[in-house]
C-alpha atoms as a PDB file:
ATOM      1  CA  MET A   1     -32.980 109.224 -43.408  1.00  0.00           C
ATOM      2  CA  LYS A   2     -30.983 111.340 -41.028  1.00  0.00           C
ATOM      3  CA  GLU A   3     -33.467 111.291 -38.132  1.00  0.00           C
ATOM      4  CA  LEU A   4     -35.660 108.608 -36.612  1.00  0.00           C
ATOM      5  CA  SER A   5     -38.577 111.045 -36.671  1.00  0.00           C
ATOM      6  CA  MET A   6     -38.502 110.915 -40.489  1.00  0.00           C
ATOM      7  CA  HIS A   7     -38.853 107.120 -40.371  1.00  0.00           C
ATOM      8  CA  ILE A   8     -41.793 107.580 -38.001  1.00  0.00           C
ATOM      9  CA  LEU A   9     -43.392 110.076 -40.384  1.00  0.00           C
ATOM     10  CA  ASP A  10     -42.915 107.698 -43.337  1.00  0.00           C
ATOM     11  CA  ILE A  11     -44.543 104.770 -41.517  1.00  0.00           C
ATOM     12  CA  VAL A  12     -47.435 106.886 -40.234  1.00  0.00           C
ATOM     13  CA  MET A  13     -48.132 108.219 -43.726  1.00  0.00           C
ATOM     14  CA  ASN A  14     -48.369 104.575 -44.867  1.00  0.00           C
ATOM     15  CA  SER A  15     -50.865 104.008 -42.039  1.00  0.00           C
ATOM     16  CA  VAL A  16     -52.937 106.987 -43.189  1.00  0.00           C
ATOM     17  CA  LYS A  17     -52.931 105.613 -46.754  1.00  0.00           C
ATOM     18  CA  ALA A  18     -54.047 102.258 -45.319  1.00  0.00           C
ATOM     19  CA  LYS A  19     -57.249 104.012 -44.147  1.00  0.00           C
ATOM     20  CA  SER A  20     -56.472 103.761 -40.438  1.00  0.00           C
ATOM     21  CA  LYS A  21     -58.923 105.331 -38.011  1.00  0.00           C
ATOM     22  CA  LEU A  22     -56.440 105.247 -35.120  1.00  0.00           C
ATOM     23  CA  ILE A  23     -52.647 105.387 -35.174  1.00  0.00           C
ATOM     24  CA  GLU A  24     -50.589 105.001 -32.024  1.00  0.00           C
ATOM     25  CA  ILE A  25     -46.923 105.975 -31.795  1.00  0.00           C
ATOM     26  CA  THR A  26     -44.998 104.875 -28.720  1.00  0.00           C
ATOM     27  CA  ILE A  27     -41.396 105.825 -28.068  1.00  0.00           C
ATOM     28  CA  GLU A  28     -39.693 104.283 -25.073  1.00  0.00           C
ATOM     29  CA  GLU A  29     -36.192 105.422 -24.168  1.00  0.00           C
ATOM     30  CA  ASN A  30     -34.244 103.854 -21.357  1.00  0.00           C
ATOM     31  CA  ILE A  31     -30.911 105.502 -20.694  1.00  0.00           C
ATOM     32  CA  GLU A  32     -29.836 102.999 -18.024  1.00  0.00           C
ATOM     33  CA  LYS A  33     -30.689  99.934 -20.130  1.00  0.00           C
ATOM     34  CA  ASN A  34     -29.374 101.686 -23.249  1.00  0.00           C
ATOM     35  CA  PHE A  35     -32.235 101.288 -25.697  1.00  0.00           C
ATOM     36  CA  ILE A  36     -34.807 103.163 -27.729  1.00  0.00           C
ATOM     37  CA  LYS A  37     -37.899 101.306 -28.854  1.00  0.00           C
ATOM     38  CA  ILE A  38     -40.397 102.773 -31.305  1.00  0.00           C
ATOM     39  CA  ILE A  39     -43.757 101.127 -31.928  1.00  0.00           C
ATOM     40  CA  ILE A  40     -46.245 102.345 -34.516  1.00  0.00           C
ATOM     41  CA  LYS A  41     -49.593 100.596 -34.475  1.00  0.00           C
ATOM     42  CA  ASP A  42     -52.550 101.187 -36.770  1.00  0.00           C
ATOM     43  CA  ASP A  43     -55.973  99.714 -37.463  1.00  0.00           C
ATOM     44  CA  GLY A  44     -55.699 100.100 -41.226  1.00  0.00           C
ATOM     45  CA  CYS A  45     -56.287  97.569 -43.981  1.00  0.00           C
ATOM     46  CA  GLY A  46     -53.234  95.474 -43.021  1.00  0.00           C
ATOM     47  CA  MET A  47     -50.961  93.394 -45.229  1.00  0.00           C
ATOM     48  CA  SER A  48     -51.072  89.819 -46.430  1.00  0.00           C
ATOM     49  CA  LYS A  49     -48.410  87.345 -45.277  1.00  0.00           C
ATOM     50  CA  GLU A  50     -46.957  87.446 -48.802  1.00  0.00           C
ATOM     51  CA  VAL A  51     -46.575  91.239 -48.775  1.00  0.00           C
ATOM     52  CA  LEU A  52     -45.224  91.129 -45.228  1.00  0.00           C
ATOM     53  CA  THR A  53     -42.304  88.950 -46.359  1.00  0.00           C
ATOM     54  CA  LYS A  54     -41.347  91.558 -49.015  1.00  0.00           C
ATOM     55  CA  VAL A  55     -41.808  94.920 -47.268  1.00  0.00           C
ATOM     56  CA  THR A  56     -38.162  95.362 -46.252  1.00  0.00           C
ATOM     57  CA  ASP A  57     -36.937  94.629 -49.785  1.00  0.00           C
ATOM     58  CA  PRO A  58     -35.929  97.985 -51.318  1.00  0.00           C
ATOM     59  CA  PHE A  59     -37.096  96.813 -54.756  1.00  0.00           C
ATOM     60  CA  TYR A  60     -40.621  96.056 -53.563  1.00  0.00           C
ATOM     61  CA  THR A  61     -43.361  98.655 -53.355  1.00  0.00           C
ATOM     62  CA  THR A  62     -47.112  98.767 -53.723  1.00  0.00           C
ATOM     63  CA  ARG A  63     -46.856 102.236 -55.281  1.00  0.00           C
ATOM     64  CA  THR A  64     -47.468 102.513 -58.990  1.00  0.00           C
ATOM     65  CA  THR A  65     -45.466 105.738 -59.394  1.00  0.00           C
ATOM     66  CA  ARG A  66     -42.060 104.165 -58.737  1.00  0.00           C
ATOM     67  CA  SER A  67     -40.427 100.756 -58.565  1.00  0.00           C
ATOM     68  CA  VAL A  68     -38.637 101.020 -55.226  1.00  0.00           C
ATOM     69  CA  GLY A  69     -39.837 101.278 -51.638  1.00  0.00           C
ATOM     70  CA  LEU A  70     -36.944 102.397 -49.497  1.00  0.00           C
ATOM     71  CA  GLY A  71     -38.685 103.429 -46.254  1.00  0.00           C
ATOM     72  CA  LEU A  72     -38.828 100.137 -44.371  1.00  0.00           C
ATOM     73  CA  SER A  73     -35.615  98.789 -45.884  1.00  0.00           C
ATOM     74  CA  LEU A  74     -33.713 101.880 -44.701  1.00  0.00           C
ATOM     75  CA  LEU A  75     -35.300 101.598 -41.260  1.00  0.00           C
ATOM     76  CA  ASN A  76     -34.346  97.922 -41.084  1.00  0.00           C
ATOM     77  CA  GLU A  77     -30.736  98.796 -41.940  1.00  0.00           C
ATOM     78  CA  ALA A  78     -30.695 101.580 -39.337  1.00  0.00           C
ATOM     79  CA  CYS A  79     -31.905  99.158 -36.652  1.00  0.00           C
ATOM     80  CA  GLU A  80     -29.381  96.481 -37.569  1.00  0.00           C
ATOM     81  CA  ARG A  81     -26.515  99.007 -37.607  1.00  0.00           C
ATOM     82  CA  CYS A  82     -27.385  99.816 -33.987  1.00  0.00           C
ATOM     83  CA  ASN A  83     -27.569  96.226 -32.688  1.00  0.00           C
ATOM     84  CA  GLY A  84     -31.346  96.372 -32.928  1.00  0.00           C
ATOM     85  CA  TYR A  85     -34.168  94.928 -34.952  1.00  0.00           C
ATOM     86  CA  LEU A  86     -37.229  95.758 -37.012  1.00  0.00           C
ATOM     87  CA  LYS A  87     -40.296  93.609 -36.486  1.00  0.00           C
ATOM     88  CA  ILE A  88     -43.489  94.009 -38.508  1.00  0.00           C
ATOM     89  CA  SER A  89     -46.721  92.154 -37.873  1.00  0.00           C
ATOM     90  CA  SER A  90     -49.911  92.649 -39.818  1.00  0.00           C
ATOM     91  CA  ASP A  91     -53.282  91.079 -40.501  1.00  0.00           C
ATOM     92  CA  ILE A  92     -55.612  92.013 -43.322  1.00  0.00           C
ATOM     93  CA  GLY A  93     -58.581  93.955 -41.991  1.00  0.00           C
ATOM     94  CA  VAL A  94     -56.980  94.333 -38.544  1.00  0.00           C
ATOM     95  CA  GLY A  95     -53.938  96.561 -38.979  1.00  0.00           C
ATOM     96  CA  THR A  96     -50.175  96.676 -38.709  1.00  0.00           C
ATOM     97  CA  ILE A  97     -47.616  96.991 -35.936  1.00  0.00           C
ATOM     98  CA  VAL A  98     -44.096  98.185 -36.711  1.00  0.00           C
ATOM     99  CA  GLU A  99     -41.620  97.813 -33.858  1.00  0.00           C
ATOM    100  CA  CYS A 100     -38.036  98.960 -34.038  1.00  0.00           C
ATOM    101  CA  TYR A 101     -35.335  98.742 -31.450  1.00  0.00           C
ATOM    102  CA  PHE A 102     -31.994 100.563 -31.268  1.00  0.00           C
ATOM    103  CA  GLU A 103     -29.010 100.489 -28.970  1.00  0.00           C
ATOM    104  CA  ARG A 104     -29.357 104.032 -27.617  1.00  0.00           C
ATOM    105  CA  ASN A 105     -25.692 105.037 -27.327  1.00  0.00           C
ATOM    106  CA  ASN A 106     -24.606 103.357 -30.544  1.00  0.00           C
ATOM    107  CA  ILE A 107     -22.408 105.702 -32.567  1.00  0.00           C
ATOM    108  CA  ASP A 108     -24.387 104.835 -35.720  1.00  0.00           C
ATOM    109  CA  ARG A 109     -27.813 105.633 -34.251  1.00  0.00           C
ATOM    110  CA  SER A 110     -29.525 108.565 -35.881  1.00  0.00           C
ATOM    111  CA  PRO A 111     -30.878 111.229 -33.526  1.00  0.00           C
ATOM    112  CA  LEU A 112     -34.579 111.132 -32.750  1.00  0.00           C
ATOM    113  CA  GLY A 113     -35.108 114.459 -34.472  1.00  0.00           C
ATOM    114  CA  ASN A 114     -37.783 117.076 -33.997  1.00  0.00           C
ATOM    115  CA  MET A 115     -40.862 115.190 -32.857  1.00  0.00           C
ATOM    116  CA  GLY A 116     -42.822 118.442 -32.581  1.00  0.00           C
ATOM    117  CA  ASP A 117     -42.441 119.039 -36.317  1.00  0.00           C
ATOM    118  CA  THR A 118     -43.191 115.379 -37.036  1.00  0.00           C
ATOM    119  CA  ILE A 119     -46.365 115.216 -34.920  1.00  0.00           C
ATOM    120  CA  MET A 120     -47.555 118.567 -36.291  1.00  0.00           C
ATOM    121  CA  THR A 121     -47.105 117.270 -39.855  1.00  0.00           C
ATOM    122  CA  ILE A 122     -48.889 114.031 -39.004  1.00  0.00           C
ATOM    123  CA  VAL A 123     -51.845 115.808 -37.366  1.00  0.00           C
ATOM    124  CA  ASN A 124     -52.190 118.017 -40.437  1.00  0.00           C
ATOM    125  CA  SER A 125     -52.372 114.870 -42.628  1.00  0.00           C
ATOM    126  CA  LEU A 126     -54.731 112.689 -40.606  1.00  0.00           C
ATOM    127  CA  ASN A 127     -58.054 113.371 -42.335  1.00  0.00           C
ATOM    128  CA  GLU A 128     -60.565 111.116 -40.517  1.00  0.00           C
ATOM    129  CA  CYS A 129     -57.907 109.427 -38.392  1.00  0.00           C
ATOM    130  CA  GLU A 130     -56.918 109.991 -34.759  1.00  0.00           C
ATOM    131  CA  LEU A 131     -53.422 109.906 -33.271  1.00  0.00           C
ATOM    132  CA  ILE A 132     -52.100 108.856 -29.891  1.00  0.00           C
ATOM    133  CA  TYR A 133     -48.458 109.681 -29.199  1.00  0.00           C
ATOM    134  CA  ASN A 134     -46.760 108.273 -26.102  1.00  0.00           C
ATOM    135  CA  HIS A 135     -43.188 109.076 -25.164  1.00  0.00           C
ATOM    136  CA  ALA A 136     -41.363 107.734 -22.128  1.00  0.00           C
ATOM    137  CA  VAL A 137     -37.837 108.392 -20.945  1.00  0.00           C
ATOM    138  CA  ASN A 138     -36.923 106.123 -18.059  1.00  0.00           C
ATOM    139  CA  LYS A 139     -39.851 106.573 -15.643  1.00  0.00           C
ATOM    140  CA  LYS A 140     -41.154 109.889 -17.024  1.00  0.00           C
ATOM    141  CA  PHE A 141     -44.081 109.749 -19.454  1.00  0.00           C
ATOM    142  CA  PHE A 142     -45.855 112.101 -21.862  1.00  0.00           C
ATOM    143  CA  ASN A 143     -49.061 111.486 -23.823  1.00  0.00           C
ATOM    144  CA  PHE A 144     -50.685 113.406 -26.683  1.00  0.00           C
ATOM    145  CA  ASN A 145     -54.087 112.399 -28.029  1.00  0.00           C
ATOM    146  CA  THR A 146     -55.896 114.192 -30.878  1.00  0.00           C
ATOM    147  CA  LEU A 147     -59.295 113.140 -29.496  1.00  0.00           C
ATOM    148  CA  GLN A 148     -58.551 114.946 -26.233  1.00  0.00           C
ATOM    149  CA  ILE A 149     -57.270 118.014 -28.064  1.00  0.00           C
ATOM    150  CA  LYS A 150     -60.355 118.115 -30.297  1.00  0.00           C
ATOM    151  CA  GLU A 151     -62.584 117.871 -27.225  1.00  0.00           C
ATOM    152  CA  ILE A 152     -60.827 120.880 -25.707  1.00  0.00           C
ATOM    153  CA  LEU A 153     -60.972 122.810 -28.988  1.00  0.00           C
ATOM    154  CA  GLN A 154     -64.675 122.031 -29.507  1.00  0.00           C
ATOM    155  CA  GLU A 155     -65.553 123.872 -32.732  1.00  0.00           C
ATOM    156  CA  THR A 156     -62.032 125.046 -33.608  1.00  0.00           C
ATOM    157  CA  ASP A 157     -60.324 123.046 -36.368  1.00  0.00           C
ATOM    158  CA  ILE A 158     -57.232 121.160 -35.173  1.00  0.00           C
ATOM    159  CA  ASN A 159     -55.627 121.878 -38.576  1.00  0.00           C
ATOM    160  CA  GLU A 160     -55.775 125.644 -38.079  1.00  0.00           C
ATOM    161  CA  ASN A 161     -52.245 127.085 -38.352  1.00  0.00           C
ATOM    162  CA  SER A 162     -52.163 128.525 -34.832  1.00  0.00           C
ATOM    163  CA  ILE A 163     -53.286 125.170 -33.370  1.00  0.00           C
ATOM    164  CA  LEU A 164     -50.691 123.222 -35.378  1.00  0.00           C
ATOM    165  CA  LEU A 165     -47.930 125.577 -34.209  1.00  0.00           C
ATOM    166  CA  TRP A 166     -49.150 125.172 -30.619  1.00  0.00           C
ATOM    167  CA  ILE A 167     -49.063 121.348 -31.033  1.00  0.00           C
ATOM    168  CA  LYS A 168     -45.455 121.562 -32.265  1.00  0.00           C
ATOM    169  CA  SER A 169     -44.428 123.694 -29.300  1.00  0.00           C
ATOM    170  CA  TYR A 170     -46.427 121.588 -26.809  1.00  0.00           C
ATOM    171  CA  ILE A 171     -44.822 118.340 -28.017  1.00  0.00           C
ATOM    172  CA  ASN A 172     -41.288 119.753 -27.975  1.00  0.00           C
ATOM    173  CA  GLN A 173     -41.693 121.318 -24.517  1.00  0.00           C
ATOM    174  CA  ASN A 174     -43.080 118.128 -22.992  1.00  0.00           C
ATOM    175  CA  ILE A 175     -40.350 115.958 -24.550  1.00  0.00           C
ATOM    176  CA  LYS A 176     -37.711 118.350 -23.243  1.00  0.00           C
ATOM    177  CA  GLU A 177     -39.136 117.895 -19.740  1.00  0.00           C
ATOM    178  CA  LEU A 178     -38.749 114.093 -20.008  1.00  0.00           C
ATOM    179  CA  TYR A 179     -34.970 114.493 -19.956  1.00  0.00           C
END
């Protein structure tokens, strides 16, 4: 995947399929210390210890429509290429935490990508799930929470096209201000 945001989208879609009620994405960038850390946490069905040992194997998948599962294996490779790591912890009935770490200025690190598009796509796919998105660059911080947005919207559907386009713009503008 050419952008880290596509990895984030892939993992979050797995969280939605795992029947999560709350998904939290945290991106921490530190220019001085030269790292980017991405954490995706959900309260979905979780994975067994046996499955957890296989999830970064490209020839392992729980899907029945194909025999490969490239998402986490590609993310693992991307982390390792950038002097980083991928760490996954999970408990059945509790949820899953995916943490990835990258050397920020590494020549092989993919760009973050368009988080506005990614968050808009995620919000449109959440069904009965809520999303918290935190993004920090050095000491500046931005937070987006679907529960707060829904409270402001009251009766208006968060999946309405004009709202989704506003979310995209709102995310991108606030991220731009972090730099």
